[in-house]
Amino acid sequence: MRIRKILGRVVKENITHSVAKLENDRYAVGQLALGQTVEMDAQFDTLDAAFEHWLATLPLHTKPAQWECSDEHEAQP
């Protein structure tokens, strides 16, 4: 499936690491460009799953503690 929109990216030492939305409303992570085709086994069903994978695979040597994901942004009952 082809990439429809790049949702975000980080550039580190000439490596671009992106999260993208596909034409089939699924998501992809990696070194991506608009219009690029992504194989089915590299697609994610949800943005949350794609983001978690993107964060875990960022091209950094060590990830600062403040980069850890949390659910604090979700609405409280």
Protein backbone atom coordinates (compact mmCIF):
# COMPACT_ATOMS: atom_id res chain seq x y z
CA MET A 1 0.00 0.00 0.00
CA ARG A 2 1.22 3.52 -0.76
CA ILE A 3 2.02 6.24 1.76
CA ARG A 4 -0.57 9.00 1.77
CA LYS A 5 0.80 11.31 4.49
CA ILE A 6 3.88 11.62 6.68
CA LEU A 7 2.58 12.25 10.21
CA GLY A 8 5.93 12.97 11.85
CA ARG A 9 9.65 12.43 11.51
CA VAL A 10 12.93 12.69 13.33
CA VAL A 11 16.23 13.29 11.55
CA LYS A 12 19.33 12.03 13.34
CA GLU A 13 22.75 11.88 11.67
CA ASN A 14 21.23 11.98 8.16
CA ILE A 15 18.73 9.22 8.98
CA THR A 16 15.07 10.18 8.66
CA HIS A 17 12.73 8.03 10.77
CA SER A 18 9.03 8.63 10.04
CA VAL A 19 5.51 7.59 10.97
CA ALA A 20 3.13 7.61 8.00
CA LYS A 21 -0.52 7.01 7.16
CA LEU A 22 -1.22 4.73 4.24
CA GLU A 23 -3.94 4.86 1.58
CA ASN A 24 -5.68 1.90 3.29
CA ASP A 25 -5.87 3.86 6.60
CA ARG A 26 -3.14 1.75 8.20
CA TYR A 27 0.25 3.06 9.35
CA ALA A 28 3.95 2.49 8.65
CA VAL A 29 7.24 3.35 10.35
CA GLY A 30 10.75 3.79 8.99
CA GLN A 31 12.69 5.67 6.33
CA LEU A 32 9.61 6.62 4.31
CA ALA A 33 8.59 8.99 1.51
CA LEU A 34 5.23 10.07 0.09
CA GLY A 35 4.00 7.63 -2.53
CA GLN A 36 6.35 4.87 -1.38
CA THR A 37 4.86 1.38 -1.27
CA VAL A 38 4.85 -0.48 2.07
CA GLU A 39 4.46 -4.25 2.23
CA MET A 40 1.55 -5.63 4.26
CA ASP A 41 3.83 -7.25 6.88
CA ALA A 42 5.34 -3.81 7.68
CA GLN A 43 1.98 -2.12 8.31
CA PHE A 44 0.28 -1.34 11.63
CA ASP A 45 -3.47 -1.38 12.31
CA THR A 46 -3.44 1.55 14.73
CA LEU A 47 -1.55 4.77 15.18
CA ASP A 48 -0.77 3.74 18.77
CA ALA A 49 0.93 0.53 17.58
CA ALA A 50 2.86 2.40 14.90
CA PHE A 51 3.95 5.11 17.34
CA GLU A 52 5.15 2.56 19.91
CA HIS A 53 7.23 0.84 17.22
CA TRP A 54 8.52 4.19 15.91
CA LEU A 55 9.59 5.25 19.39
CA ALA A 56 11.27 1.90 20.12
CA THR A 57 13.23 2.02 16.85
CA LEU A 58 14.36 5.65 16.85
CA PRO A 59 17.98 5.91 15.69
CA LEU A 60 19.33 7.00 19.08
CA HIS A 61 22.02 5.38 21.17
CA THR A 62 20.09 5.84 24.43
CA LYS A 63 16.60 7.13 24.99
CA PRO A 64 16.11 9.68 27.80
CA ALA A 65 13.68 8.64 30.54
CA GLN A 66 11.35 11.52 29.63
CA TRP A 67 10.74 9.85 26.22
CA GLU A 68 8.88 6.95 27.78
CA CYS A 69 5.26 6.65 26.69
CA SER A 70 2.48 7.08 29.17
CA ASP A 71 -1.29 7.26 29.13
CA GLU A 72 -1.38 10.56 31.07
CA HIS A 73 -2.73 12.40 28.02
CA GLU A 74 -5.90 10.31 27.99
CA ALA A 75 -9.07 11.77 29.51
CA GLN A 76 -9.71 10.90 33.12
CA PRO A 77 -13.20 9.62 34.10
